[in-house]
Amino acid sequence: MNTQALIRGSVLSIGLLLIVSCNMLPSASDNTSFVRKDPRKMEFAPVKAKLPQIQEFTLANGIQVIFIENRELPLLDVRAQLAGGWVYLPANKAGEINLFSDVIRTGGAGNRSGDEINDFLESRAASVETWGGRMATGANLSCLKEDFQDVLGIMGDILMSPKFAEEKLALHRNLRLEQVRRENDNPQTIINREFSKVLYPENILGVNADETTYNAVTRDDLLAFWQTYYHPNNVLLAVTGDITRENLEKSLNAVFGGWSESAVEIPAPPSTPDRSRHQVVLVNKDIVQSSIRVGFLSPLSDTDPDRFAVEVMNYVLGGGGFKSRLTEKIRSDEGLAYSVWSGFNAGWKFPGVFQAGTETKGATTHRAVELLTQEISRMRDGGVTPDEFARAQAAIVNRDIFKYDDPSKIARQLLNLKFEGKPQTYMTDDVKGYQSLTLEQVNAAAKKYLEPENLLIMVVGNPALFEKPLDDFGPVTMIDLEQDS
């Protein structure tokens, strides 16, 4: 067969195939299932939060365990959490928790050095990492099922018999000091630090670790913290993975069974201001772009039924990305910034906090502050529209359902609930709380919880570039970074 004949035959075959294929497709008049539907008018069953089977038990020495069996992959995930964090430490030892969480992991444990622990874990593609926070410290474990007993033993050594090697303390102190030395290079780091200081004056929540406080921390301090809080009756464990409850209990008892109980007294959280006052603060820095933050303390707690309405209101204001009012006004309408945001964190043990922020060029700083404050006032006075409410409510419900898409994620959330003394239903009640909201409740929450008259307004930038002075918003307090750092 010559080339032309081959080409003609191929074209004919393809043509016949297309004709047959088209004839096999039903027309819209023959089959109504092919009629396109407007996705905005489609109806779906209400979203429901569903938890997997959760097992809880307590070891003889007081360790409390939350367990979710998950046989999808031969993996184990463990999180240990112990009450006791940096809020319980004196201000002159700020940074101790950072060094504690560094050195308890790298300073060696049991009969291994920190480097030997690293080698052991790397050879098994496993990890054991430690962490420290405001109210708690702990460790996370991840490994293959076949290595679980050995890797759990490493975690046990770190929790029960850390060495806090002096050379590792010196190493991590120097690393942390280098972070401090570089803080003023980043405007966002500056505004995070200074905003906390002004929001919580003369309070541990406003204290930041610096060269003096890091240098004040000794190995004895780390050891004393461990001796105070690291006892089995102060341990919560969240475990998920490919193991039965019976085998898990055997593994946990083999590692932790010899750890003896001891009394642990958790101090009362330090008192903090419960309200803000209006202030305007300028952090003078020679940069071409200004970082802006506004906010206030709030009585909203994380058990207040109003928290659902406040979250929907904040989604419309600045928490909903490109469709939020702040983004549409400051970015889309006026082109002053790339990113604009707001957040309303309900408090646990401490007051809640509202914050909003953006970054803009120096010459539009005043206008950006003006728009931020105006939109907050407009939300408080006018509330959200029915369309905004419906969109935000649906978005939050659909977003929050992903809290339940992974067993380890669920277990860690349940661990936090137990730590905070909340029932498991708190987790699933979120979806119901958002679904049952009304527009009137959201707008009532806006009036109740937004406090534009009490805004702390802070700008990090060069006032020589501002189009107008900031004292239009009130008396300005200047912060000198050279004295403050």
Protein backbone atom coordinates (compact mmCIF):
# COMPACT_ATOMS: atom_id res chain seq x y z
CA MET A 1 0.00 0.00 0.00
CA ASN A 2 1.41 3.40 -0.97
CA THR A 3 1.58 6.36 1.41
CA GLN A 4 -1.38 8.25 -0.07
CA ALA A 5 -3.64 5.22 0.19
CA LEU A 6 -2.58 4.72 3.79
CA ILE A 7 -3.43 8.35 4.61
CA ARG A 8 -6.82 8.13 2.85
CA GLY A 9 -7.67 4.97 4.75
CA SER A 10 -6.71 6.49 8.09
CA VAL A 11 -8.78 9.62 7.47
CA LEU A 12 -11.79 7.52 6.43
CA SER A 13 -11.50 5.36 9.55
CA ILE A 14 -11.30 8.38 11.84
CA GLY A 15 -14.29 10.00 10.11
CA LEU A 16 -16.43 6.88 10.49
CA LEU A 17 -15.43 6.61 14.15
CA LEU A 18 -16.48 10.21 14.82
CA ILE A 19 -19.82 9.73 13.07
CA VAL A 20 -20.58 6.58 15.05
CA SER A 21 -19.52 8.22 18.31
CA CYS A 22 -21.70 11.26 17.72
CA ASN A 23 -24.70 9.11 16.84
CA MET A 24 -24.25 7.17 20.08
CA LEU A 25 -24.59 10.34 22.18
CA PRO A 26 -28.18 11.06 23.25
CA SER A 27 -29.53 14.48 22.43
CA ALA A 28 -30.80 16.85 25.10
CA SER A 29 -34.35 16.15 23.91
CA ASP A 30 -33.87 12.38 24.29
CA ASN A 31 -32.33 12.43 27.79
CA THR A 32 -33.04 15.19 30.26
CA SER A 33 -30.12 14.06 32.47
CA PHE A 34 -27.84 16.00 30.16
CA VAL A 35 -29.55 19.32 30.83
CA ARG A 36 -27.11 21.69 32.50
CA LYS A 37 -28.08 22.83 35.98
CA ASP A 38 -27.30 26.14 37.57
CA PRO A 39 -24.90 25.21 40.42
CA ARG A 40 -26.25 28.13 42.46
CA LYS A 41 -29.67 26.47 42.52
CA MET A 42 -28.52 22.93 43.25
CA GLU A 43 -29.60 21.50 46.61
CA PHE A 44 -27.59 19.16 48.81
CA ALA A 45 -28.19 17.39 52.08
CA PRO A 46 -27.03 19.39 55.13
CA VAL A 47 -23.40 18.83 56.09
CA LYS A 48 -23.03 16.68 59.21
CA ALA A 49 -19.94 16.23 61.33
CA LYS A 50 -19.24 12.58 62.14
CA LEU A 51 -16.47 11.28 64.35
CA PRO A 52 -14.87 7.82 63.97
CA GLN A 53 -14.90 5.35 66.84
CA ILE A 54 -12.96 6.90 69.70
CA GLN A 55 -11.53 4.84 72.54
CA GLU A 56 -10.29 6.31 75.81
CA PHE A 57 -8.43 4.64 78.65
CA THR A 58 -6.06 5.50 81.47
CA LEU A 59 -2.86 3.67 82.39
CA ALA A 60 -2.26 2.67 86.00
CA ASN A 61 0.11 5.61 86.54
CA GLY A 62 -2.41 8.19 85.33
CA ILE A 63 -1.51 8.68 81.66
CA GLN A 64 -4.76 9.40 79.80
CA VAL A 65 -5.05 8.07 76.25
CA ILE A 66 -7.31 8.96 73.34
CA PHE A 67 -7.08 6.29 70.63
CA ILE A 68 -8.46 6.05 67.08
CA GLU A 69 -7.65 2.84 65.22
CA ASN A 70 -6.84 3.47 61.56
CA ARG A 71 -5.79 0.54 59.35
CA GLU A 72 -5.47 2.46 56.06
CA LEU A 73 -1.67 2.62 56.23
CA PRO A 74 0.92 0.84 58.42
CA LEU A 75 1.69 4.04 60.35
CA LEU A 76 1.42 5.29 63.94
CA ASP A 77 1.03 8.88 65.11
CA VAL A 78 1.32 9.93 68.76
CA ARG A 79 1.03 13.32 70.42
CA ALA A 80 1.91 13.85 74.08
CA GLN A 81 0.73 17.00 75.84
CA LEU A 82 1.55 18.15 79.38
CA ALA A 83 0.11 21.12 81.23
CA GLY A 84 2.68 23.83 81.96
CA GLY A 85 3.84 26.53 79.55
CA TRP A 86 5.57 29.88 79.34
CA VAL A 87 2.77 31.86 81.04
CA TYR A 88 3.78 30.23 84.33
CA LEU A 89 7.38 31.44 84.14
CA PRO A 90 8.82 34.73 85.44
CA ALA A 91 9.29 37.52 82.91
CA ASN A 92 13.06 37.51 83.44
CA LYS A 93 13.15 33.93 82.12
CA ALA A 94 11.13 34.59 78.94
CA GLY A 95 12.42 32.18 76.34
CA GLU A 96 12.93 29.33 78.79
CA ILE A 97 10.18 27.30 77.13
CA ASN A 98 11.86 27.74 73.74
CA LEU A 99 15.15 26.44 75.10
CA PHE A 100 13.41 23.69 77.07
CA SER A 101 11.63 22.35 73.98
CA ASP A 102 14.88 22.56 71.99
CA VAL A 103 17.18 20.85 74.47
CA ILE A 104 14.85 18.18 75.86
CA ARG A 105 14.94 16.75 72.32
CA THR A 106 18.53 17.38 71.24
CA GLY A 107 20.28 17.11 74.61
CA GLY A 108 20.10 13.33 74.83
CA ALA A 109 17.83 10.97 76.76
CA GLY A 110 18.10 7.57 78.39
CA ASN A 111 21.35 5.94 77.30
CA ARG A 112 21.62 7.88 74.01
CA SER A 113 23.04 11.26 73.10
CA GLY A 114 20.96 13.63 71.02
CA ASP A 115 23.00 12.80 67.93
CA GLU A 116 22.51 9.07 68.51
CA ILE A 117 18.76 9.65 68.77
CA ASN A 118 18.86 11.49 65.45
CA ASP A 119 20.75 8.63 63.78
CA PHE A 120 18.37 6.04 65.22
CA LEU A 121 15.27 7.86 63.97
CA GLU A 122 16.70 8.71 60.56
CA SER A 123 17.57 5.06 59.93
CA ARG A 124 13.88 4.22 60.39
CA ALA A 125 12.36 7.23 58.59
CA ALA A 126 10.74 8.12 61.93
CA SER A 127 10.43 11.37 63.85
CA VAL A 128 10.06 12.45 67.46
CA GLU A 129 9.85 16.21 67.86
CA THR A 130 9.21 18.35 70.94
CA TRP A 131 7.36 21.62 71.30
CA GLY A 132 6.46 24.26 73.88
CA GLY A 133 3.69 26.83 74.06
CA ARG A 134 1.70 29.23 76.19
CA MET A 135 -0.05 26.65 78.37
CA ALA A 136 1.59 23.30 77.57
CA THR A 137 4.60 21.42 76.24
CA GLY A 138 4.90 18.01 74.65
CA ALA A 139 6.17 15.76 71.89
CA ASN A 140 4.99 14.29 68.59
CA LEU A 141 5.86 10.86 67.18
CA SER A 142 5.45 9.47 63.67
CA CYS A 143 6.73 6.09 62.46
CA LEU A 144 6.05 2.87 60.62
CA LYS A 145 4.06 0.22 62.44
CA GLU A 146 7.02 -2.18 62.49
CA ASP A 147 9.18 0.39 64.32
CA PHE A 148 6.57 1.60 66.78
CA GLN A 149 7.86 -0.06 69.92
CA ASP A 150 11.43 1.16 69.38
CA VAL A 151 10.41 4.71 68.43
CA LEU A 152 7.93 4.89 71.31
CA GLY A 153 10.85 3.96 73.55
CA ILE A 154 12.74 7.00 72.26
CA MET A 155 9.78 9.24 73.04
CA GLY A 156 9.56 7.67 76.48
CA ASP A 157 13.23 8.36 77.18
CA ILE A 158 12.81 12.00 76.12
CA LEU A 159 9.81 12.50 78.39
CA MET A 160 11.07 10.47 81.37
CA SER A 161 14.87 10.81 81.40
CA PRO A 162 16.20 13.76 79.40
CA LYS A 163 19.85 14.76 79.87
CA PHE A 164 19.71 18.48 78.94
CA ALA A 165 23.33 18.41 77.78
CA GLU A 166 25.10 21.71 78.48
CA GLU A 167 26.68 21.86 75.03
CA LYS A 168 23.26 21.59 73.37
CA LEU A 169 21.89 24.32 75.63
CA ALA A 170 24.77 26.56 74.55
CA LEU A 171 24.13 25.71 70.89
CA HIS A 172 20.42 26.48 71.01
CA ARG A 173 20.94 29.60 73.09
CA ASN A 174 23.20 30.94 70.34
CA LEU A 175 20.67 30.01 67.66
CA ARG A 176 17.89 31.78 69.55
CA LEU A 177 20.07 34.84 70.15
CA GLU A 178 20.74 35.03 66.43
CA GLN A 179 16.97 35.06 65.84
CA VAL A 180 16.67 37.94 68.31
CA ARG A 181 19.43 39.86 66.55
CA ARG A 182 17.56 39.55 63.25
CA GLU A 183 14.09 40.42 64.53
CA ASN A 184 14.23 44.07 63.53
CA ASP A 185 15.05 43.12 59.94
CA ASN A 186 11.45 41.95 59.44
CA PRO A 187 8.57 44.46 59.83
CA GLN A 188 6.08 41.65 60.51
CA THR A 189 8.21 40.30 63.34
CA ILE A 190 8.47 43.83 64.74
CA ILE A 191 4.74 44.49 64.65
CA ASN A 192 3.91 41.08 66.17
CA ARG A 193 6.29 41.76 69.06
CA GLU A 194 5.40 45.39 69.69
CA PHE A 195 1.66 44.87 69.31
CA SER A 196 1.71 42.25 72.09
CA LYS A 197 3.74 44.54 74.34
CA VAL A 198 1.24 47.38 74.02
CA LEU A 199 -1.85 45.16 74.11
CA TYR A 200 -0.66 43.47 77.35
CA PRO A 201 1.29 46.17 79.21
CA GLU A 202 3.46 44.91 82.08
CA ASN A 203 2.06 41.41 81.63
CA ILE A 204 3.66 38.06 80.81
CA LEU A 205 1.56 37.85 77.62
CA GLY A 206 3.34 40.95 76.35
CA VAL A 207 6.86 39.82 77.25
CA ASN A 208 9.15 38.67 74.47
CA ALA A 209 12.37 36.73 74.86
CA ASP A 210 15.47 38.80 74.26
CA GLU A 211 19.23 38.59 74.77
CA THR A 212 18.98 39.21 78.52
CA THR A 213 16.30 36.60 79.19
CA TYR A 214 17.88 33.91 77.01
CA ASN A 215 21.22 34.40 78.74
CA ALA A 216 19.50 34.10 82.13
CA VAL A 217 18.26 30.54 81.47
CA THR A 218 20.43 27.79 82.95
CA ARG A 219 20.42 24.01 82.74
CA ASP A 220 19.07 23.96 86.30
CA ASP A 221 16.06 25.99 85.09
CA LEU A 222 15.29 23.42 82.41
CA LEU A 223 15.70 20.57 84.87
CA ALA A 224 13.45 22.31 87.41
CA PHE A 225 10.70 22.80 84.82
CA TRP A 226 10.91 19.14 83.85
CA GLN A 227 10.82 18.01 87.49
CA THR A 228 7.77 20.19 88.13
CA TYR A 229 5.56 19.18 85.21
CA TYR A 230 6.84 15.93 83.70
CA HIS A 231 4.92 13.24 85.58
CA PRO A 232 2.63 10.58 84.09
CA ASN A 233 -0.50 11.90 85.76
CA ASN A 234 0.06 15.15 83.84
CA VAL A 235 0.32 13.43 80.44
CA LEU A 236 -2.36 13.24 77.76
CA LEU A 237 -1.70 11.03 74.73
CA ALA A 238 -3.49 11.04 71.38
CA VAL A 239 -2.71 7.90 69.35
CA THR A 240 -3.88 6.99 65.85
CA GLY A 241 -2.78 4.26 63.51
CA ASP A 242 -2.50 0.62 62.57
CA ILE A 243 -2.67 -1.06 65.96
CA THR A 244 -5.32 -2.63 68.17
CA ARG A 245 -6.20 -1.19 71.54
CA GLU A 246 -4.89 -4.32 73.26
CA ASN A 247 -1.49 -4.06 71.58
CA LEU A 248 -1.35 -0.32 72.14
CA GLU A 249 -1.91 -0.74 75.87
CA LYS A 250 0.85 -3.35 75.98
CA SER A 251 3.25 -1.04 74.13
CA LEU A 252 2.46 1.95 76.33
CA ASN A 253 2.81 -0.04 79.54
CA ALA A 254 6.11 -1.51 78.35
CA VAL A 255 7.53 2.00 77.90
CA PHE A 256 5.75 4.08 80.54
CA GLY A 257 4.71 1.48 83.13
CA GLY A 258 7.66 2.21 85.43
CA TRP A 259 7.05 5.97 85.47
CA SER A 260 5.71 6.84 88.92
CA GLU A 261 2.97 9.34 89.69
CA SER A 262 3.76 12.54 91.54
CA ALA A 263 1.70 15.54 92.58
CA VAL A 264 1.55 18.25 89.91
CA GLU A 265 0.22 21.66 90.82
CA ILE A 266 -0.71 23.82 87.84
CA PRO A 267 -0.71 27.48 88.91
CA ALA A 268 -3.65 29.73 88.18
CA PRO A 269 -3.11 31.65 84.94
CA PRO A 270 -1.75 35.15 85.53
CA SER A 271 -4.28 37.96 85.51
CA THR A 272 -4.42 40.02 82.33
CA PRO A 273 -6.17 43.17 81.16
CA ASP A 274 -9.69 42.37 80.00
CA ARG A 275 -10.18 45.48 77.88
CA SER A 276 -8.11 47.68 75.59
CA ARG A 277 -8.02 51.45 75.31
CA HIS A 278 -7.66 53.52 72.18
CA GLN A 279 -4.02 54.14 71.29
CA VAL A 280 -2.04 55.10 68.21
CA VAL A 281 1.52 53.78 68.14
CA LEU A 282 4.17 54.44 65.51
CA VAL A 283 7.25 52.22 65.33
CA ASN A 284 9.70 54.34 63.39
CA LYS A 285 11.63 52.33 60.79
CA ASP A 286 13.23 53.53 57.58
CA ILE A 287 11.35 51.32 55.12
CA VAL A 288 9.30 52.12 52.02
CA GLN A 289 6.33 49.91 52.96
CA SER A 290 4.30 50.26 56.15
CA SER A 291 2.99 47.35 58.21
CA ILE A 292 -0.34 48.15 59.84
CA ARG A 293 -2.14 46.35 62.67
CA VAL A 294 -5.30 47.32 64.56
CA GLY A 295 -7.01 45.40 67.33
CA PHE A 296 -8.42 45.16 70.83
CA LEU A 297 -9.00 42.73 73.69
CA SER A 298 -12.46 41.22 73.91
CA PRO A 299 -14.57 39.43 76.54
CA LEU A 300 -15.54 36.80 73.94
CA SER A 301 -14.65 33.33 75.25
CA ASP A 302 -14.38 30.08 73.33
CA THR A 303 -17.41 28.67 75.16
CA ASP A 304 -19.64 31.69 74.49
CA PRO A 305 -22.56 30.79 72.18
CA ASP A 306 -21.90 34.10 70.41
CA ARG A 307 -18.62 32.74 69.03
CA PHE A 308 -20.40 31.31 65.97
CA ALA A 309 -22.01 34.62 65.08
CA VAL A 310 -18.73 36.46 65.62
CA GLU A 311 -16.90 34.06 63.29
CA VAL A 312 -19.45 34.61 60.51
CA MET A 313 -19.28 38.37 61.01
CA ASN A 314 -15.48 38.29 60.86
CA TYR A 315 -15.56 36.15 57.71
CA VAL A 316 -17.51 38.90 55.98
CA LEU A 317 -15.30 41.64 57.42
CA GLY A 318 -11.82 40.32 56.68
CA GLY A 319 -11.54 36.58 57.27
CA GLY A 320 -13.07 35.43 54.00
CA GLY A 321 -10.24 36.19 51.62
CA PHE A 322 -10.97 37.94 48.34
CA LYS A 323 -14.71 38.26 49.02
CA SER A 324 -14.28 39.97 52.38
CA ARG A 325 -15.10 43.65 52.75
CA LEU A 326 -11.60 44.68 53.77
CA THR A 327 -10.04 42.99 50.75
CA GLU A 328 -12.61 44.34 48.33
CA LYS A 329 -12.27 47.88 49.66
CA ILE A 330 -8.52 48.17 50.30
CA ARG A 331 -7.18 45.85 47.59
CA SER A 332 -9.78 45.68 44.82
CA ASP A 333 -11.34 49.16 44.97
CA GLU A 334 -8.37 51.30 45.98
CA GLY A 335 -5.38 49.14 45.11
CA LEU A 336 -3.54 49.94 48.34
CA ALA A 337 -2.45 46.45 49.36
CA TYR A 338 -2.08 42.89 48.19
CA SER A 339 -3.20 41.20 51.42
CA VAL A 340 -5.72 42.39 53.99
CA TRP A 341 -7.08 40.26 56.81
CA SER A 342 -8.92 40.19 60.11
CA GLY A 343 -9.24 37.58 62.84
CA PHE A 344 -11.31 37.23 66.01
CA ASN A 345 -9.84 34.69 68.43
CA ALA A 346 -12.14 33.70 71.26
CA GLY A 347 -10.30 33.40 74.56
CA TRP A 348 -9.55 30.39 76.76
CA LYS A 349 -8.21 31.33 80.21
CA PHE A 350 -7.42 34.77 78.76
CA PRO A 351 -9.37 37.51 76.96
CA GLY A 352 -10.23 37.11 73.31
CA VAL A 353 -8.41 39.21 70.73
CA PHE A 354 -9.56 40.92 67.55
CA GLN A 355 -6.92 41.94 65.02
CA ALA A 356 -6.85 43.23 61.45
CA GLY A 357 -3.89 44.17 59.33
CA THR A 358 -2.33 44.96 56.01
CA GLU A 359 0.81 46.32 54.37
CA THR A 360 0.90 49.30 52.02
CA LYS A 361 3.40 51.72 50.54
CA GLY A 362 4.44 54.58 52.78
CA ALA A 363 2.53 57.19 50.77
CA THR A 364 -0.83 55.45 51.36
CA THR A 365 -0.38 54.55 55.03
CA HIS A 366 -2.89 57.07 56.39
CA ARG A 367 -5.53 56.04 53.85
CA ALA A 368 -5.09 52.34 54.61
CA VAL A 369 -5.50 52.96 58.35
CA GLU A 370 -8.54 55.10 57.62
CA LEU A 371 -10.18 52.38 55.55
CA LEU A 372 -9.44 49.66 58.12
CA THR A 373 -11.06 51.65 60.91
CA GLN A 374 -13.97 52.77 58.73
CA GLU A 375 -14.85 49.22 57.69
CA ILE A 376 -14.75 48.00 61.28
CA SER A 377 -17.11 50.81 62.30
CA ARG A 378 -19.37 50.15 59.30
CA MET A 379 -19.64 46.50 60.24
CA ARG A 380 -20.46 47.36 63.86
CA ASP A 381 -23.10 49.92 62.89
CA GLY A 382 -24.63 48.31 59.81
CA GLY A 383 -23.98 44.59 60.12
CA VAL A 384 -23.89 42.13 57.24
CA THR A 385 -26.34 41.76 54.37
CA PRO A 386 -28.48 38.65 53.80
CA ASP A 387 -26.32 37.63 50.82
CA GLU A 388 -23.09 38.10 52.80
CA PHE A 389 -24.53 36.09 55.66
CA ALA A 390 -25.61 33.17 53.48
CA ARG A 391 -22.27 33.01 51.67
CA ALA A 392 -20.20 33.21 54.86
CA GLN A 393 -22.31 30.68 56.73
CA ALA A 394 -22.03 28.13 53.92
CA ALA A 395 -18.30 28.73 53.47
CA ILE A 396 -17.52 28.21 57.15
CA VAL A 397 -19.61 25.04 57.42
CA ASN A 398 -17.96 23.59 54.31
CA ARG A 399 -14.52 24.61 55.59
CA ASP A 400 -14.96 23.21 59.07
CA ILE A 401 -16.05 19.79 57.86
CA PHE A 402 -12.39 19.23 56.90
CA LYS A 403 -11.58 19.13 60.60
CA TYR A 404 -12.82 15.55 60.41
CA ASP A 405 -11.02 14.29 57.30
CA ASP A 406 -8.03 12.68 59.05
CA PRO A 407 -7.98 10.49 62.19
CA SER A 408 -4.78 12.01 63.57
CA LYS A 409 -6.21 15.50 63.11
CA ILE A 410 -9.36 14.45 64.98
CA ALA A 411 -7.38 12.83 67.79
CA ARG A 412 -5.29 15.95 68.34
CA GLN A 413 -8.38 18.14 68.45
CA LEU A 414 -9.93 15.80 71.00
CA LEU A 415 -6.70 15.95 72.99
CA ASN A 416 -6.95 19.73 73.16
CA LEU A 417 -10.59 19.51 74.23
CA LYS A 418 -9.69 17.16 77.07
CA PHE A 419 -6.79 19.43 78.03
CA GLU A 420 -9.18 22.38 78.19
CA GLY A 421 -11.87 20.44 80.04
CA LYS A 422 -14.38 20.52 77.19
CA PRO A 423 -16.62 17.62 76.08
CA GLN A 424 -16.12 15.83 72.75
CA THR A 425 -19.44 17.26 71.58
CA TYR A 426 -17.79 20.69 71.52
CA MET A 427 -16.13 19.59 68.29
CA THR A 428 -19.25 18.45 66.45
CA ASP A 429 -21.38 21.23 67.91
CA ASP A 430 -19.42 23.74 65.82
CA VAL A 431 -21.15 22.72 62.60
CA LYS A 432 -24.56 22.78 64.26
CA GLY A 433 -23.80 26.16 65.80
CA TYR A 434 -23.03 27.72 62.43
CA GLN A 435 -25.98 26.05 60.69
CA SER A 436 -28.49 27.31 63.25
CA LEU A 437 -27.41 30.96 63.08
CA THR A 438 -29.68 33.77 61.95
CA LEU A 439 -28.78 37.06 60.30
CA GLU A 440 -30.10 38.89 63.36
CA GLN A 441 -27.73 37.01 65.66
CA VAL A 442 -24.73 37.90 63.49
CA ASN A 443 -25.59 41.58 63.39
CA ALA A 444 -26.25 41.64 67.13
CA ALA A 445 -22.80 40.13 67.67
CA ALA A 446 -21.23 42.81 65.46
CA LYS A 447 -22.74 45.53 67.64
CA LYS A 448 -21.77 43.75 70.85
CA TYR A 449 -18.19 42.70 70.14
CA LEU A 450 -16.68 45.17 67.68
CA GLU A 451 -15.10 48.08 69.54
CA PRO A 452 -13.70 50.63 67.06
CA GLU A 453 -13.51 53.19 69.85
CA ASN A 454 -11.00 50.98 71.70
CA LEU A 455 -8.73 50.15 68.77
CA LEU A 456 -5.01 49.91 69.26
CA ILE A 457 -3.63 51.25 65.97
CA MET A 458 0.00 50.40 65.25
CA VAL A 459 2.12 51.22 62.23
CA VAL A 460 5.69 50.15 61.52
CA GLY A 461 7.06 52.52 58.90
CA ASN A 462 8.74 55.76 57.93
CA PRO A 463 6.54 58.77 58.86
CA ALA A 464 8.41 60.97 56.38
CA LEU A 465 6.65 59.04 53.60
CA PHE A 466 3.10 59.19 55.02
CA GLU A 467 0.66 61.36 53.06
CA LYS A 468 -0.85 62.63 56.33
CA PRO A 469 0.25 62.41 59.96
CA LEU A 470 -1.21 59.62 62.08
CA ASP A 471 -2.34 62.01 64.80
CA ASP A 472 -5.60 62.35 62.85
CA PHE A 473 -6.48 59.09 64.63
CA GLY A 474 -5.38 60.26 68.09
CA PRO A 475 -2.24 61.16 70.05
CA VAL A 476 0.71 59.19 68.69
CA THR A 477 3.18 57.27 70.86
CA MET A 478 6.54 56.70 69.19
CA ILE A 479 8.61 53.54 69.75
CA ASP A 480 12.35 53.71 69.20
CA LEU A 481 13.61 50.34 67.97
CA GLU A 482 17.15 51.03 69.14
CA GLN A 483 15.96 51.37 72.73
CA ASP A 484 13.29 48.69 72.47
CA SER A 485 15.39 45.90 70.95
